[in-house]
Amino acid sequence: RRLDEAEHEQLRSFANLVVGQISLLRSMGR
């Protein structure tokens, strides 16, 4: 299958969401 450009942008958003969550977990005082 292939992803269209909208799906590419959506995958980038998920990557940013993961990075944000990792940063949040690391900054929660733990």
PDB file of all heavy atoms in Angstrom:
ATOM      1  N   ARG A   1       0.851  -1.195   0.000  1.00  0.00           N
ATOM      2  CA  ARG A   1       0.000   0.000   0.000  1.00  0.00           C
ATOM      3  C   ARG A   1       0.878   1.234   0.000  1.00  0.00           C
ATOM      4  O   ARG A   1       2.097   1.154   0.191  1.00  0.00           O
ATOM      5  CB  ARG A   1      -0.954   0.022   1.200  1.00  0.00           C
ATOM      6  CG  ARG A   1      -0.259   0.091   2.550  1.00  0.00           C
ATOM      7  CD  ARG A   1      -1.235   0.240   3.699  1.00  0.00           C
ATOM      8  NE  ARG A   1      -1.826   1.567   3.742  1.00  0.00           N
ATOM      9  CZ  ARG A   1      -2.658   1.957   4.708  1.00  0.00           C
ATOM     10  NH1 ARG A   1      -3.008   1.103   5.683  1.00  0.00           N
ATOM     11  NH2 ARG A   1      -3.159   3.163   4.707  1.00  0.00           N
ATOM     12  N   ARG A   2       0.272   2.399  -0.198  1.00  0.00           N
ATOM     13  CA  ARG A   2       0.983   3.673  -0.133  1.00  0.00           C
ATOM     14  C   ARG A   2       0.201   4.650   0.737  1.00  0.00           C
ATOM     15  O   ARG A   2      -1.032   4.604   0.776  1.00  0.00           O
ATOM     16  CB  ARG A   2       1.151   4.286  -1.526  1.00  0.00           C
ATOM     17  CG  ARG A   2       2.194   3.611  -2.388  1.00  0.00           C
ATOM     18  CD  ARG A   2       2.319   4.345  -3.725  1.00  0.00           C
ATOM     19  NE  ARG A   2       3.292   3.691  -4.584  1.00  0.00           N
ATOM     20  CZ  ARG A   2       4.599   3.935  -4.550  1.00  0.00           C
ATOM     21  NH1 ARG A   2       5.061   4.850  -3.693  1.00  0.00           N
ATOM     22  NH2 ARG A   2       5.422   3.312  -5.374  1.00  0.00           N
ATOM     23  N   LEU A   3       0.940   5.549   1.418  1.00  0.00           N
ATOM     24  CA  LEU A   3       0.306   6.621   2.180  1.00  0.00           C
ATOM     25  C   LEU A   3       0.226   7.855   1.312  1.00  0.00           C
ATOM     26  O   LEU A   3       1.153   8.157   0.537  1.00  0.00           O
ATOM     27  CB  LEU A   3       1.104   6.956   3.454  1.00  0.00           C
ATOM     28  CG  LEU A   3       1.312   5.846   4.487  1.00  0.00           C
ATOM     29  CD1 LEU A   3       2.083   6.394   5.683  1.00  0.00           C
ATOM     30  CD2 LEU A   3      -0.017   5.262   4.927  1.00  0.00           C
ATOM     31  N   ASP A   4      -0.881   8.603   1.412  1.00  0.00           N
ATOM     32  CA  ASP A   4      -0.937   9.881   0.704  1.00  0.00           C
ATOM     33  C   ASP A   4      -0.323  10.969   1.589  1.00  0.00           C
ATOM     34  O   ASP A   4       0.078  10.721   2.736  1.00  0.00           O
ATOM     35  CB  ASP A   4      -2.375  10.230   0.301  1.00  0.00           C
ATOM     36  CG  ASP A   4      -3.326  10.303   1.498  1.00  0.00           C
ATOM     37  OD1 ASP A   4      -2.863  10.646   2.618  1.00  0.00           O
ATOM     38  OD2 ASP A   4      -4.535  10.009   1.331  1.00  0.00           O
ATOM     39  N   GLU A   5      -0.262  12.187   1.060  1.00  0.00           N
ATOM     40  CA  GLU A   5       0.427  13.260   1.787  1.00  0.00           C
ATOM     41  C   GLU A   5      -0.274  13.589   3.114  1.00  0.00           C
ATOM     42  O   GLU A   5       0.374  13.899   4.110  1.00  0.00           O
ATOM     43  CB  GLU A   5       0.501  14.517   0.913  1.00  0.00           C
ATOM     44  CG  GLU A   5       1.352  15.637   1.520  1.00  0.00           C
ATOM     45  CD  GLU A   5       2.744  15.163   1.941  1.00  0.00           C
ATOM     46  OE1 GLU A   5       3.373  14.385   1.188  1.00  0.00           O
ATOM     47  OE2 GLU A   5       3.204  15.564   3.033  1.00  0.00           O
ATOM     48  N   ALA A   6      -1.608  13.497   3.108  1.00  0.00           N
ATOM     49  CA  ALA A   6      -2.333  13.760   4.352  1.00  0.00           C
ATOM     50  C   ALA A   6      -1.970  12.722   5.414  1.00  0.00           C
ATOM     51  O   ALA A   6      -1.828  13.051   6.605  1.00  0.00           O
ATOM     52  CB  ALA A   6      -3.838  13.756   4.093  1.00  0.00           C
ATOM     53  N   GLU A   7      -1.804  11.492   4.978  1.00  0.00           N
ATOM     54  CA  GLU A   7      -1.429  10.438   5.929  1.00  0.00           C
ATOM     55  C   GLU A   7       0.018  10.618   6.390  1.00  0.00           C
ATOM     56  O   GLU A   7       0.346  10.322   7.545  1.00  0.00           O
ATOM     57  CB  GLU A   7      -1.634   9.072   5.281  1.00  0.00           C
ATOM     58  CG  GLU A   7      -3.105   8.708   5.117  1.00  0.00           C
ATOM     59  CD  GLU A   7      -3.290   7.426   4.341  1.00  0.00           C
ATOM     60  OE1 GLU A   7      -2.581   7.243   3.309  1.00  0.00           O
ATOM     61  OE2 GLU A   7      -4.141   6.597   4.757  1.00  0.00           O
ATOM     62  N   HIS A   8       0.895  11.095   5.487  1.00  0.00           N
ATOM     63  CA  HIS A   8       2.265  11.413   5.902  1.00  0.00           C
ATOM     64  C   HIS A   8       2.252  12.463   7.026  1.00  0.00           C
ATOM     65  O   HIS A   8       2.965  12.333   8.027  1.00  0.00           O
ATOM     66  CB  HIS A   8       3.067  11.952   4.716  1.00  0.00           C
ATOM     67  CG  HIS A   8       3.559  10.880   3.797  1.00  0.00           C
ATOM     68  ND1 HIS A   8       4.359  11.141   2.707  1.00  0.00           N
ATOM     69  CD2 HIS A   8       3.397   9.527   3.814  1.00  0.00           C
ATOM     70  CE1 HIS A   8       4.653  10.010   2.089  1.00  0.00           C
ATOM     71  NE2 HIS A   8       4.081   9.019   2.745  1.00  0.00           N
ATOM     72  N   GLU A   9       1.439  13.493   6.841  1.00  0.00           N
ATOM     73  CA  GLU A   9       1.375  14.550   7.852  1.00  0.00           C
ATOM     74  C   GLU A   9       0.802  13.999   9.162  1.00  0.00           C
ATOM     75  O   GLU A   9       1.244  14.368  10.261  1.00  0.00           O
ATOM     76  CB  GLU A   9       0.504  15.701   7.332  1.00  0.00           C
ATOM     77  CG  GLU A   9       0.506  16.931   8.235  1.00  0.00           C
ATOM     78  CD  GLU A   9       1.894  17.504   8.429  1.00  0.00           C
ATOM     79  OE1 GLU A   9       2.693  17.469   7.476  1.00  0.00           O
ATOM     80  OE2 GLU A   9       2.186  17.969   9.557  1.00  0.00           O
ATOM     81  N   GLN A  10      -0.160  13.108   9.014  1.00  0.00           N
ATOM     82  CA  GLN A  10      -0.750  12.495  10.209  1.00  0.00           C
ATOM     83  C   GLN A  10       0.276  11.637  10.949  1.00  0.00           C
ATOM     84  O   GLN A  10       0.334  11.652  12.185  1.00  0.00           O
ATOM     85  CB  GLN A  10      -1.953  11.648   9.789  1.00  0.00           C
ATOM     86  CG  GLN A  10      -2.840  11.224  10.947  1.00  0.00           C
ATOM     87  CD  GLN A  10      -4.097  10.521  10.470  1.00  0.00           C
ATOM     88  OE1 GLN A  10      -4.150   9.989   9.355  1.00  0.00           O
ATOM     89  NE2 GLN A  10      -5.130  10.517  11.294  1.00  0.00           N
ATOM     90  N   LEU A  11       1.131  10.911  10.208  1.00  0.00           N
ATOM     91  CA  LEU A  11       2.163  10.088  10.846  1.00  0.00           C
ATOM     92  C   LEU A  11       3.185  10.967  11.552  1.00  0.00           C
ATOM     93  O   LEU A  11       3.658  10.629  12.636  1.00  0.00           O
ATOM     94  CB  LEU A  11       2.830   9.198   9.797  1.00  0.00           C
ATOM     95  CG  LEU A  11       3.884   8.217  10.331  1.00  0.00           C
ATOM     96  CD1 LEU A  11       3.323   7.332  11.441  1.00  0.00           C
ATOM     97  CD2 LEU A  11       4.441   7.359   9.177  1.00  0.00           C
ATOM     98  N   ARG A  12       3.509  12.113  10.939  1.00  0.00           N
ATOM     99  CA  ARG A  12       4.414  13.053  11.617  1.00  0.00           C
ATOM    100  C   ARG A  12       3.798  13.537  12.940  1.00  0.00           C
ATOM    101  O   ARG A  12       4.500  13.699  13.948  1.00  0.00           O
ATOM    102  CB  ARG A  12       4.702  14.253  10.713  1.00  0.00           C
ATOM    103  CG  ARG A  12       5.477  13.922   9.457  1.00  0.00           C
ATOM    104  CD  ARG A  12       5.846  15.198   8.692  1.00  0.00           C
ATOM    105  NE  ARG A  12       6.337  14.856   7.366  1.00  0.00           N
ATOM    106  CZ  ARG A  12       5.613  14.951   6.242  1.00  0.00           C
ATOM    107  NH1 ARG A  12       4.346  15.399   6.293  1.00  0.00           N
ATOM    108  NH2 ARG A  12       6.141  14.620   5.073  1.00  0.00           N
ATOM    109  N   SER A  13       2.503  13.777  12.909  1.00  0.00           N
ATOM    110  CA  SER A  13       1.819  14.219  14.134  1.00  0.00           C
ATOM    111  C   SER A  13       1.878  13.146  15.217  1.00  0.00           C
ATOM    112  O   SER A  13       2.078  13.444  16.408  1.00  0.00           O
ATOM    113  CB  SER A  13       0.359  14.574  13.826  1.00  0.00           C
ATOM    114  OG  SER A  13       0.282  15.649  12.919  1.00  0.00           O
ATOM    115  N   PHE A  14       1.723  11.890  14.804  1.00  0.00           N
ATOM    116  CA  PHE A  14       1.838  10.813  15.786  1.00  0.00           C
ATOM    117  C   PHE A  14       3.262  10.736  16.347  1.00  0.00           C
ATOM    118  O   PHE A  14       3.456  10.483  17.547  1.00  0.00           O
ATOM    119  CB  PHE A  14       1.440   9.474  15.150  1.00  0.00           C
ATOM    120  CG  PHE A  14      -0.021   9.159  15.275  1.00  0.00           C
ATOM    121  CD1 PHE A  14      -0.902   9.407  14.221  1.00  0.00           C
ATOM    122  CD2 PHE A  14      -0.537   8.631  16.452  1.00  0.00           C
ATOM    123  CE1 PHE A  14      -2.261   9.128  14.331  1.00  0.00           C
ATOM    124  CE2 PHE A  14      -1.887   8.352  16.578  1.00  0.00           C
ATOM    125  CZ  PHE A  14      -2.761   8.605  15.513  1.00  0.00           C
ATOM    126  N   ALA A  15       4.260  10.958  15.488  1.00  0.00           N
ATOM    127  CA  ALA A  15       5.653  10.948  15.974  1.00  0.00           C
ATOM    128  C   ALA A  15       5.851  12.058  16.998  1.00  0.00           C
ATOM    129  O   ALA A  15       6.489  11.850  18.054  1.00  0.00           O
ATOM    130  CB  ALA A  15       6.619  11.115  14.803  1.00  0.00           C
ATOM    131  N   ASN A  16       5.309  13.252  16.704  1.00  0.00           N
ATOM    132  CA  ASN A  16       5.421  14.355  17.667  1.00  0.00           C
ATOM    133  C   ASN A  16       4.690  14.032  18.963  1.00  0.00           C
ATOM    134  O   ASN A  16       5.130  14.407  20.058  1.00  0.00           O
ATOM    135  CB  ASN A  16       4.848  15.640  17.059  1.00  0.00           C
ATOM    136  CG  ASN A  16       5.697  16.156  15.919  1.00  0.00           C
ATOM    137  OD1 ASN A  16       6.903  15.897  15.871  1.00  0.00           O
ATOM    138  ND2 ASN A  16       5.088  16.891  14.991  1.00  0.00           N
ATOM    139  N   LEU A  17       3.556  13.335  18.827  1.00  0.00           N
ATOM    140  CA  LEU A  17       2.795  12.950  20.010  1.00  0.00           C
ATOM    141  C   LEU A  17       3.598  11.986  20.885  1.00  0.00           C
ATOM    142  O   LEU A  17       3.624  12.118  22.121  1.00  0.00           O
ATOM    143  CB  LEU A  17       1.474  12.307  19.583  1.00  0.00           C
ATOM    144  CG  LEU A  17       0.482  11.939  20.692  1.00  0.00           C
ATOM    145  CD1 LEU A  17       0.054  13.182  21.465  1.00  0.00           C
ATOM    146  CD2 LEU A  17      -0.737  11.235  20.099  1.00  0.00           C
ATOM    147  N   VAL A  18       4.285  11.036  20.254  1.00  0.00           N
ATOM    148  CA  VAL A  18       5.117  10.089  21.013  1.00  0.00           C
ATOM    149  C   VAL A  18       6.256  10.824  21.705  1.00  0.00           C
ATOM    150  O   VAL A  18       6.528  10.601  22.897  1.00  0.00           O
ATOM    151  CB  VAL A  18       5.673   8.992  20.080  1.00  0.00           C
ATOM    152  CG1 VAL A  18       6.695   8.128  20.830  1.00  0.00           C
ATOM    153  CG2 VAL A  18       4.545   8.128  19.542  1.00  0.00           C
ATOM    154  N   VAL A  19       6.940  11.714  20.976  1.00  0.00           N
ATOM    155  CA  VAL A  19       8.050  12.467  21.566  1.00  0.00           C
ATOM    156  C   VAL A  19       7.554  13.309  22.733  1.00  0.00           C
ATOM    157  O   VAL A  19       8.192  13.389  23.798  1.00  0.00           O
ATOM    158  CB  VAL A  19       8.728  13.355  20.500  1.00  0.00           C
ATOM    159  CG1 VAL A  19       9.702  14.326  21.166  1.00  0.00           C
ATOM    160  CG2 VAL A  19       9.451  12.496  19.479  1.00  0.00           C
ATOM    161  N   GLY A  20       6.399  13.938  22.557  1.00  0.00           N
ATOM    162  CA  GLY A  20       5.845  14.735  23.654  1.00  0.00           C
ATOM    163  C   GLY A  20       5.538  13.889  24.869  1.00  0.00           C
ATOM    164  O   GLY A  20       5.774  14.316  26.014  1.00  0.00           O
ATOM    165  N   GLN A  21       5.003  12.697  24.624  1.00  0.00           N
ATOM    166  CA  GLN A  21       4.680  11.825  25.747  1.00  0.00           C
ATOM    167  C   GLN A  21       5.942  11.345  26.451  1.00  0.00           C
ATOM    168  O   GLN A  21       6.002  11.284  27.676  1.00  0.00           O
ATOM    169  CB  GLN A  21       3.860  10.626  25.264  1.00  0.00           C
ATOM    170  CG  GLN A  21       3.303   9.779  26.395  1.00  0.00           C
ATOM    171  CD  GLN A  21       2.371  10.569  27.296  1.00  0.00           C
ATOM    172  OE1 GLN A  21       1.567  11.370  26.838  1.00  0.00           O
ATOM    173  NE2 GLN A  21       2.503  10.376  28.598  1.00  0.00           N
ATOM    174  N   ILE A  22       6.981  11.010  25.670  1.00  0.00           N
ATOM    175  CA  ILE A  22       8.261  10.597  26.273  1.00  0.00           C
ATOM    176  C   ILE A  22       8.823  11.738  27.119  1.00  0.00           C
ATOM    177  O   ILE A  22       9.271  11.534  28.253  1.00  0.00           O
ATOM    178  CB  ILE A  22       9.260  10.177  25.182  1.00  0.00           C
ATOM    179  CG1 ILE A  22       8.833   8.842  24.557  1.00  0.00           C
ATOM    180  CG2 ILE A  22      10.670  10.059  25.751  1.00  0.00           C
ATOM    181  CD1 ILE A  22       9.687   8.409  23.383  1.00  0.00           C
ATOM    182  N   SER A  23       8.802  12.943  26.580  1.00  0.00           N
ATOM    183  CA  SER A  23       9.307  14.103  27.320  1.00  0.00           C
ATOM    184  C   SER A  23       8.498  14.336  28.587  1.00  0.00           C
ATOM    185  O   SER A  23       9.049  14.661  29.649  1.00  0.00           O
ATOM    186  CB  SER A  23       9.277  15.352  26.438  1.00  0.00           C
ATOM    187  OG  SER A  23      10.077  15.174  25.293  1.00  0.00           O
ATOM    188  N   LEU A  24       7.178  14.165  28.470  1.00  0.00           N
ATOM    189  CA  LEU A  24       6.317  14.351  29.644  1.00  0.00           C
ATOM    190  C   LEU A  24       6.625  13.318  30.713  1.00  0.00           C
ATOM    191  O   LEU A  24       6.752  13.650  31.897  1.00  0.00           O
ATOM    192  CB  LEU A  24       4.850  14.249  29.224  1.00  0.00           C
ATOM    193  CG  LEU A  24       3.813  14.381  30.353  1.00  0.00           C
ATOM    194  CD1 LEU A  24       3.922  15.754  31.002  1.00  0.00           C
ATOM    195  CD2 LEU A  24       2.410  14.136  29.834  1.00  0.00           C
ATOM    196  N   LEU A  25       6.783  12.064  30.293  1.00  0.00           N
ATOM    197  CA  LEU A  25       7.074  11.010  31.262  1.00  0.00           C
ATOM    198  C   LEU A  25       8.413  11.263  31.962  1.00  0.00           C
ATOM    199  O   LEU A  25       8.568  10.988  33.145  1.00  0.00           O
ATOM    200  CB  LEU A  25       7.090   9.643  30.568  1.00  0.00           C
ATOM    201  CG  LEU A  25       5.735   9.137  30.069  1.00  0.00           C
ATOM    202  CD1 LEU A  25       5.919   7.892  29.211  1.00  0.00           C
ATOM    203  CD2 LEU A  25       4.806   8.840  31.240  1.00  0.00           C
ATOM    204  N   ARG A  26       9.354  11.796  31.185  1.00  0.00           N
ATOM    205  CA  ARG A  26      10.678  12.057  31.770  1.00  0.00           C
ATOM    206  C   ARG A  26      10.666  13.298  32.651  1.00  0.00           C
ATOM    207  O   ARG A  26      11.560  13.461  33.481  1.00  0.00           O
ATOM    208  CB  ARG A  26      11.725  12.217  30.677  1.00  0.00           C
ATOM    209  CG  ARG A  26      12.009  10.948  29.903  1.00  0.00           C
ATOM    210  CD  ARG A  26      13.145  11.135  28.915  1.00  0.00           C
ATOM    211  NE  ARG A  26      14.346  11.547  29.604  1.00  0.00           N
ATOM    212  CZ  ARG A  26      14.954  12.718  29.388  1.00  0.00           C
ATOM    213  NH1 ARG A  26      14.471  13.586  28.525  1.00  0.00           N
ATOM    214  NH2 ARG A  26      16.053  13.021  30.051  1.00  0.00           N
ATOM    215  N   SER A  27       9.704  14.173  32.481  1.00  0.00           N
ATOM    216  CA  SER A  27       9.682  15.422  33.259  1.00  0.00           C
ATOM    217  C   SER A  27       8.679  15.384  34.395  1.00  0.00           C
ATOM    218  O   SER A  27       8.431  16.394  35.046  1.00  0.00           O
ATOM    219  CB  SER A  27       9.356  16.593  32.331  1.00  0.00           C
ATOM    220  OG  SER A  27       8.050  16.457  31.801  1.00  0.00           O
ATOM    221  N   MET A  28       8.097  14.238  34.642  1.00  0.00           N
ATOM    222  CA  MET A  28       7.076  14.146  35.689  1.00  0.00           C
ATOM    223  C   MET A  28       7.674  13.898  37.070  1.00  0.00           C
ATOM    224  O   MET A  28       7.023  13.448  37.978  1.00  0.00           O
ATOM    225  CB  MET A  28       6.094  13.021  35.361  1.00  0.00           C
ATOM    226  CG  MET A  28       5.109  13.363  34.266  1.00  0.00           C
ATOM    227  SD  MET A  28       4.061  11.966  33.851  1.00  0.00           S
ATOM    228  CE  MET A  28       3.224  11.681  35.405  1.00  0.00           C
ATOM    229  N   GLY A  29       8.960  14.182  37.240  1.00  0.00           N
ATOM    230  CA  GLY A  29       9.594  13.961  38.530  1.00  0.00           C
ATOM    231  C   GLY A  29       9.954  12.517  38.776  1.00  0.00           C
ATOM    232  O   GLY A  29      10.246  12.138  39.898  1.00  0.00           O
ATOM    233  N   ARG A  30       9.948  11.689  37.720  1.00  0.00           N
ATOM    234  CA  ARG A  30      10.277  10.278  37.892  1.00  0.00           C
ATOM    235  C   ARG A  30      11.623   9.923  37.266  1.00  0.00           C
ATOM    236  O   ARG A  30      11.991   8.761  37.208  1.00  0.00           O
ATOM    237  CB  ARG A  30       9.189   9.411  37.239  1.00  0.00           C
ATOM    238  CG  ARG A  30       7.780   9.700  37.727  1.00  0.00           C
ATOM    239  CD  ARG A  30       7.470   8.952  39.016  1.00  0.00           C
ATOM    240  NE  ARG A  30       6.083   9.185  39.409  1.00  0.00           N
ATOM    241  CZ  ARG A  30       5.060   8.480  38.935  1.00  0.00           C
ATOM    242  NH1 ARG A  30       5.271   7.523  38.054  1.00  0.00           N
ATOM    243  NH2 ARG A  30       3.835   8.735  39.341  1.00  0.00           N
TER     244      ARG A  30
END
